[in-house]
Amino acid sequence: MARVVDIFAKRLQTQENLTSQIASTIDDALAPRGLAVMMEAEHQCMTMRGVQKPGVSTITTQFTGIFEDDPAEQAKFMTLDGLIAAVVTDFKTSEVLMVGYMNEEALKRTIETGEAWYWSRSRKGFWKKGETSGQIQKVQEILTDCDQDALVVKVTVEGNGATCHVGYRSCFFRKVVNTSDGTVRLAN
């Protein structure tokens, strides 16, 4: 595998092309049922010149076969390191309602049931949003970002529409504001 990466990495090209070439070569040689390649690379143009930001990396992915065709397989691959951030928005208004985290099983349950499931970092367990309050989040659409390391979950909320555990429609009901004396405070 390292030699395949080295062959293509020596060429002047974009990281997206590099990831695609590595995936194609492995896919052609091994003919697996599916292939998932994730590449994280630090770009020398970012480190050595221009913005001079060492340590900044970019992640690209390429899927074939079952990984390309099955969102559950992609989810399994993307959550190998544990949790993926899920930004939850109102389906109609796009208002941000909350941010939660999903692991492979929570994402699988969400896809299978059409209702939002999360992994609670504090309780170390699964929770179905609204299971006790009745504010169940019905999933309308799930999007992933270009790096496929975060999700946007578009939902409609049952019950009275509150998402926040203290009764607000959104968990983001506080604003961070500067005061006249230069301090920062939270305001409702």
C-alpha atoms as a PDB file:
ATOM      1  CA  MET A   1       0.000   0.000   0.000  1.00  0.00           C
ATOM      2  CA  ALA A   2       2.805   2.402   0.893  1.00  0.00           C
ATOM      3  CA  ARG A   3       4.405   1.936  -2.536  1.00  0.00           C
ATOM      4  CA  VAL A   4       1.115   2.699  -4.295  1.00  0.00           C
ATOM      5  CA  VAL A   5       0.833   5.930  -2.301  1.00  0.00           C
ATOM      6  CA  ASP A   6       4.480   6.831  -3.003  1.00  0.00           C
ATOM      7  CA  ILE A   7       4.109   6.298  -6.764  1.00  0.00           C
ATOM      8  CA  PHE A   8       1.261   8.787  -7.054  1.00  0.00           C
ATOM      9  CA  ALA A   9       2.329  11.182  -4.285  1.00  0.00           C
ATOM     10  CA  LYS A  10       5.526  12.097  -6.152  1.00  0.00           C
ATOM     11  CA  ARG A  11       3.500  13.666  -8.948  1.00  0.00           C
ATOM     12  CA  LEU A  12       2.470  17.305  -8.968  1.00  0.00           C
ATOM     13  CA  GLN A  13      -1.313  17.122  -8.567  1.00  0.00           C
ATOM     14  CA  THR A  14      -4.259  17.858  -6.328  1.00  0.00           C
ATOM     15  CA  GLN A  15      -4.973  15.757  -3.264  1.00  0.00           C
ATOM     16  CA  GLU A  16      -8.388  14.833  -4.676  1.00  0.00           C
ATOM     17  CA  ASN A  17      -6.736  13.328  -7.782  1.00  0.00           C
ATOM     18  CA  LEU A  18      -4.141  11.570  -5.637  1.00  0.00           C
ATOM     19  CA  THR A  19      -6.847   9.955  -3.496  1.00  0.00           C
ATOM     20  CA  SER A  20      -8.782   8.890  -6.589  1.00  0.00           C
ATOM     21  CA  GLN A  21      -5.689   7.393  -8.269  1.00  0.00           C
ATOM     22  CA  ILE A  22      -4.786   5.386  -5.160  1.00  0.00           C
ATOM     23  CA  ALA A  23      -8.350   4.074  -4.883  1.00  0.00           C
ATOM     24  CA  SER A  24      -8.508   3.171  -8.599  1.00  0.00           C
ATOM     25  CA  THR A  25      -5.187   1.334  -8.523  1.00  0.00           C
ATOM     26  CA  ILE A  26      -6.095  -0.732  -5.450  1.00  0.00           C
ATOM     27  CA  ASP A  27      -9.603  -1.367  -6.774  1.00  0.00           C
ATOM     28  CA  ASP A  28      -8.250  -2.537 -10.158  1.00  0.00           C
ATOM     29  CA  ALA A  29      -5.573  -4.778  -8.616  1.00  0.00           C
ATOM     30  CA  LEU A  30      -7.635  -6.410  -5.857  1.00  0.00           C
ATOM     31  CA  ALA A  31     -11.207  -6.142  -7.167  1.00  0.00           C
ATOM     32  CA  PRO A  32     -12.741  -5.938  -3.668  1.00  0.00           C
ATOM     33  CA  ARG A  33     -16.508  -5.728  -3.014  1.00  0.00           C
ATOM     34  CA  GLY A  34     -15.833  -2.168  -1.944  1.00  0.00           C
ATOM     35  CA  LEU A  35     -13.008   0.176  -1.128  1.00  0.00           C
ATOM     36  CA  ALA A  36     -12.774   3.221   1.102  1.00  0.00           C
ATOM     37  CA  VAL A  37      -9.712   5.453   1.001  1.00  0.00           C
ATOM     38  CA  MET A  38      -9.230   8.384   3.354  1.00  0.00           C
ATOM     39  CA  MET A  39      -6.187  10.566   2.936  1.00  0.00           C
ATOM     40  CA  GLU A  40      -5.054  13.245   5.333  1.00  0.00           C
ATOM     41  CA  ALA A  41      -2.177  15.352   4.087  1.00  0.00           C
ATOM     42  CA  GLU A  42      -0.321  18.493   5.042  1.00  0.00           C
ATOM     43  CA  HIS A  43       0.189  20.748   2.048  1.00  0.00           C
ATOM     44  CA  GLN A  44       3.651  22.229   1.706  1.00  0.00           C
ATOM     45  CA  CYS A  45       2.228  25.296  -0.045  1.00  0.00           C
ATOM     46  CA  MET A  46       0.326  26.036   3.184  1.00  0.00           C
ATOM     47  CA  THR A  47       3.378  25.341   5.376  1.00  0.00           C
ATOM     48  CA  MET A  48       6.302  26.834   3.479  1.00  0.00           C
ATOM     49  CA  ARG A  49       4.857  29.824   1.649  1.00  0.00           C
ATOM     50  CA  GLY A  50       1.692  31.843   1.327  1.00  0.00           C
ATOM     51  CA  VAL A  51      -0.288  31.639   4.569  1.00  0.00           C
ATOM     52  CA  GLN A  52       2.530  29.724   6.359  1.00  0.00           C
ATOM     53  CA  LYS A  53       0.284  27.581   8.546  1.00  0.00           C
ATOM     54  CA  PRO A  54       2.221  24.453   9.544  1.00  0.00           C
ATOM     55  CA  GLY A  55       0.156  21.598  10.886  1.00  0.00           C
ATOM     56  CA  VAL A  56      -2.929  22.354   8.755  1.00  0.00           C
ATOM     57  CA  SER A  57      -4.138  19.247   6.970  1.00  0.00           C
ATOM     58  CA  THR A  58      -6.877  18.375   4.501  1.00  0.00           C
ATOM     59  CA  ILE A  59      -8.835  15.123   4.379  1.00  0.00           C
ATOM     60  CA  THR A  60     -10.143  13.621   1.139  1.00  0.00           C
ATOM     61  CA  THR A  61     -12.043  10.374   0.587  1.00  0.00           C
ATOM     62  CA  GLN A  62     -12.872   8.069  -2.299  1.00  0.00           C
ATOM     63  CA  PHE A  63     -15.400   5.216  -2.226  1.00  0.00           C
ATOM     64  CA  THR A  64     -16.067   2.319  -4.606  1.00  0.00           C
ATOM     65  CA  GLY A  65     -18.399  -0.680  -4.578  1.00  0.00           C
ATOM     66  CA  ILE A  66     -20.442  -1.197  -1.415  1.00  0.00           C
ATOM     67  CA  PHE A  67     -18.925   1.905   0.180  1.00  0.00           C
ATOM     68  CA  GLU A  68     -20.095   4.021  -2.738  1.00  0.00           C
ATOM     69  CA  ASP A  69     -23.568   2.461  -2.885  1.00  0.00           C
ATOM     70  CA  ASP A  70     -24.451   1.992   0.795  1.00  0.00           C
ATOM     71  CA  PRO A  71     -24.623   5.004   3.157  1.00  0.00           C
ATOM     72  CA  ALA A  72     -24.499   2.645   6.158  1.00  0.00           C
ATOM     73  CA  GLU A  73     -21.122   1.275   4.977  1.00  0.00           C
ATOM     74  CA  GLN A  74     -19.831   4.827   4.483  1.00  0.00           C
ATOM     75  CA  ALA A  75     -21.011   5.685   7.995  1.00  0.00           C
ATOM     76  CA  LYS A  76     -19.246   2.639   9.405  1.00  0.00           C
ATOM     77  CA  PHE A  77     -16.014   3.694   7.711  1.00  0.00           C
ATOM     78  CA  MET A  78     -16.314   7.387   8.637  1.00  0.00           C
ATOM     79  CA  THR A  79     -16.908   6.666  12.329  1.00  0.00           C
ATOM     80  CA  LEU A  80     -14.015   4.260  12.821  1.00  0.00           C
ATOM     81  CA  ASP A  81     -12.396   6.748  15.176  1.00  0.00           C
ATOM     82  CA  GLY A  82     -15.522   6.959  17.282  1.00  0.00           C
ATOM     83  CA  LEU A  83     -17.765   9.970  16.915  1.00  0.00           C
ATOM     84  CA  ILE A  84     -18.891  12.246  14.120  1.00  0.00           C
ATOM     85  CA  ALA A  85     -20.379  15.692  14.781  1.00  0.00           C
ATOM     86  CA  ALA A  86     -24.019  16.124  13.745  1.00  0.00           C
ATOM     87  CA  VAL A  87     -25.315  19.679  13.293  1.00  0.00           C
ATOM     88  CA  VAL A  88     -29.086  19.443  13.562  1.00  0.00           C
ATOM     89  CA  THR A  89     -31.180  22.003  11.667  1.00  0.00           C
ATOM     90  CA  ASP A  90     -34.866  22.675  11.136  1.00  0.00           C
ATOM     91  CA  PHE A  91     -35.861  21.155   7.795  1.00  0.00           C
ATOM     92  CA  LYS A  92     -37.937  24.147   6.667  1.00  0.00           C
ATOM     93  CA  THR A  93     -36.016  27.122   8.087  1.00  0.00           C
ATOM     94  CA  SER A  94     -32.438  25.757   8.331  1.00  0.00           C
ATOM     95  CA  GLU A  95     -32.215  27.187  11.860  1.00  0.00           C
ATOM     96  CA  VAL A  96     -29.524  25.391  13.871  1.00  0.00           C
ATOM     97  CA  LEU A  97     -31.284  23.472  16.641  1.00  0.00           C
ATOM     98  CA  MET A  98     -28.443  21.576  18.314  1.00  0.00           C
ATOM     99  CA  VAL A  99     -25.126  19.808  17.854  1.00  0.00           C
ATOM    100  CA  GLY A 100     -24.875  16.168  18.817  1.00  0.00           C
ATOM    101  CA  TYR A 101     -22.515  13.299  18.188  1.00  0.00           C
ATOM    102  CA  MET A 102     -23.137   9.988  16.483  1.00  0.00           C
ATOM    103  CA  ASN A 103     -21.126   6.835  16.384  1.00  0.00           C
ATOM    104  CA  GLU A 104     -21.619   4.070  13.841  1.00  0.00           C
ATOM    105  CA  GLU A 105     -24.573   2.495  15.670  1.00  0.00           C
ATOM    106  CA  ALA A 106     -26.351   5.819  16.328  1.00  0.00           C
ATOM    107  CA  LEU A 107     -26.071   6.756  12.653  1.00  0.00           C
ATOM    108  CA  LYS A 108     -27.285   3.305  11.619  1.00  0.00           C
ATOM    109  CA  ARG A 109     -30.298   3.586  13.952  1.00  0.00           C
ATOM    110  CA  THR A 110     -31.028   7.064  12.603  1.00  0.00           C
ATOM    111  CA  ILE A 111     -30.951   5.875   8.986  1.00  0.00           C
ATOM    112  CA  GLU A 112     -33.030   2.765   9.727  1.00  0.00           C
ATOM    113  CA  THR A 113     -35.721   4.425  11.880  1.00  0.00           C
ATOM    114  CA  GLY A 114     -35.904   7.920  10.361  1.00  0.00           C
ATOM    115  CA  GLU A 115     -35.633   9.326  13.904  1.00  0.00           C
ATOM    116  CA  ALA A 116     -32.514  10.985  15.307  1.00  0.00           C
ATOM    117  CA  TRP A 117     -30.306   8.894  17.609  1.00  0.00           C
ATOM    118  CA  TYR A 118     -27.130  10.176  19.231  1.00  0.00           C
ATOM    119  CA  TRP A 119     -24.274   8.988  21.391  1.00  0.00           C
ATOM    120  CA  SER A 120     -24.125  10.751  24.734  1.00  0.00           C
ATOM    121  CA  ARG A 121     -20.533  11.470  25.680  1.00  0.00           C
ATOM    122  CA  SER A 122     -21.487  12.202  29.295  1.00  0.00           C
ATOM    123  CA  ARG A 123     -23.764   9.167  29.803  1.00  0.00           C
ATOM    124  CA  LYS A 124     -21.705   6.876  27.551  1.00  0.00           C
ATOM    125  CA  GLY A 125     -24.823   5.544  25.888  1.00  0.00           C
ATOM    126  CA  PHE A 126     -27.325   5.925  23.057  1.00  0.00           C
ATOM    127  CA  TRP A 127     -30.237   8.310  23.291  1.00  0.00           C
ATOM    128  CA  LYS A 128     -33.108   8.912  20.972  1.00  0.00           C
ATOM    129  CA  LYS A 129     -33.820  12.633  20.950  1.00  0.00           C
ATOM    130  CA  GLY A 130     -37.264  13.283  22.420  1.00  0.00           C
ATOM    131  CA  GLU A 131     -37.818   9.757  23.716  1.00  0.00           C
ATOM    132  CA  THR A 132     -38.906  11.014  27.155  1.00  0.00           C
ATOM    133  CA  SER A 133     -40.060  14.541  26.258  1.00  0.00           C
ATOM    134  CA  GLY A 134     -42.015  13.716  23.105  1.00  0.00           C
ATOM    135  CA  GLN A 135     -39.892  16.151  21.050  1.00  0.00           C
ATOM    136  CA  ILE A 136     -38.815  13.409  18.646  1.00  0.00           C
ATOM    137  CA  GLN A 137     -36.695  14.545  15.714  1.00  0.00           C
ATOM    138  CA  LYS A 138     -38.002  13.105  12.444  1.00  0.00           C
ATOM    139  CA  VAL A 139     -35.117  13.024   9.988  1.00  0.00           C
ATOM    140  CA  GLN A 140     -35.899  14.508   6.576  1.00  0.00           C
ATOM    141  CA  GLU A 141     -32.402  14.580   5.108  1.00  0.00           C
ATOM    142  CA  ILE A 142     -28.796  13.881   6.091  1.00  0.00           C
ATOM    143  CA  LEU A 143     -25.894  15.694   4.426  1.00  0.00           C
ATOM    144  CA  THR A 144     -22.162  15.220   4.872  1.00  0.00           C
ATOM    145  CA  ASP A 145     -19.482  17.841   4.342  1.00  0.00           C
ATOM    146  CA  CYS A 146     -16.764  17.723   1.681  1.00  0.00           C
ATOM    147  CA  ASP A 147     -14.345  15.969   4.073  1.00  0.00           C
ATOM    148  CA  GLN A 148     -17.079  13.567   5.196  1.00  0.00           C
ATOM    149  CA  ASP A 149     -16.218  14.146   8.851  1.00  0.00           C
ATOM    150  CA  ALA A 150     -19.360  16.016   9.910  1.00  0.00           C
ATOM    151  CA  LEU A 151     -23.079  15.722   9.251  1.00  0.00           C
ATOM    152  CA  VAL A 152     -26.006  18.093   8.871  1.00  0.00           C
ATOM    153  CA  VAL A 153     -29.200  16.372   9.998  1.00  0.00           C
ATOM    154  CA  LYS A 154     -32.325  18.180   8.775  1.00  0.00           C
ATOM    155  CA  VAL A 155     -35.303  17.398  10.999  1.00  0.00           C
ATOM    156  CA  THR A 156     -38.853  18.250  11.893  1.00  0.00           C
ATOM    157  CA  VAL A 157     -39.492  18.217  15.643  1.00  0.00           C
ATOM    158  CA  GLU A 158     -42.636  16.644  17.067  1.00  0.00           C
ATOM    159  CA  GLY A 159     -44.376  17.776  20.234  1.00  0.00           C
ATOM    160  CA  ASN A 160     -44.174  21.508  20.923  1.00  0.00           C
ATOM    161  CA  GLY A 161     -41.091  21.841  18.694  1.00  0.00           C
ATOM    162  CA  ALA A 162     -38.563  22.448  21.484  1.00  0.00           C
ATOM    163  CA  THR A 163     -35.151  20.880  20.982  1.00  0.00           C
ATOM    164  CA  CYS A 164     -33.238  22.227  23.978  1.00  0.00           C
ATOM    165  CA  HIS A 165     -33.579  20.296  27.235  1.00  0.00           C
ATOM    166  CA  VAL A 166     -34.445  23.575  29.042  1.00  0.00           C
ATOM    167  CA  GLY A 167     -37.431  24.157  26.762  1.00  0.00           C
ATOM    168  CA  TYR A 168     -36.129  26.442  24.004  1.00  0.00           C
ATOM    169  CA  ARG A 169     -36.708  25.730  20.321  1.00  0.00           C
ATOM    170  CA  SER A 170     -32.928  25.736  19.758  1.00  0.00           C
ATOM    171  CA  CYS A 171     -30.040  24.961  22.086  1.00  0.00           C
ATOM    172  CA  PHE A 172     -28.451  28.121  20.656  1.00  0.00           C
ATOM    173  CA  PHE A 173     -30.581  30.729  22.434  1.00  0.00           C
ATOM    174  CA  ARG A 174     -27.716  32.690  24.064  1.00  0.00           C
ATOM    175  CA  LYS A 175     -25.662  35.314  22.256  1.00  0.00           C
ATOM    176  CA  VAL A 176     -22.041  36.122  23.021  1.00  0.00           C
ATOM    177  CA  VAL A 177     -21.874  39.927  23.219  1.00  0.00           C
ATOM    178  CA  ASN A 178     -19.256  42.573  23.927  1.00  0.00           C
ATOM    179  CA  THR A 179     -20.213  45.035  26.631  1.00  0.00           C
ATOM    180  CA  SER A 180     -19.330  48.724  26.714  1.00  0.00           C
ATOM    181  CA  ASP A 181     -16.522  48.043  29.209  1.00  0.00           C
ATOM    182  CA  GLY A 182     -14.899  45.533  26.822  1.00  0.00           C
ATOM    183  CA  THR A 183     -15.914  42.349  28.603  1.00  0.00           C
ATOM    184  CA  VAL A 184     -17.734  39.494  26.969  1.00  0.00           C
ATOM    185  CA  ARG A 185     -20.958  38.075  28.380  1.00  0.00           C
ATOM    186  CA  LEU A 186     -23.827  35.794  27.422  1.00  0.00           C
ATOM    187  CA  ALA A 187     -27.262  37.284  26.717  1.00  0.00           C
ATOM    188  CA  ASN A 188     -30.596  35.576  26.031  1.00  0.00           C
END
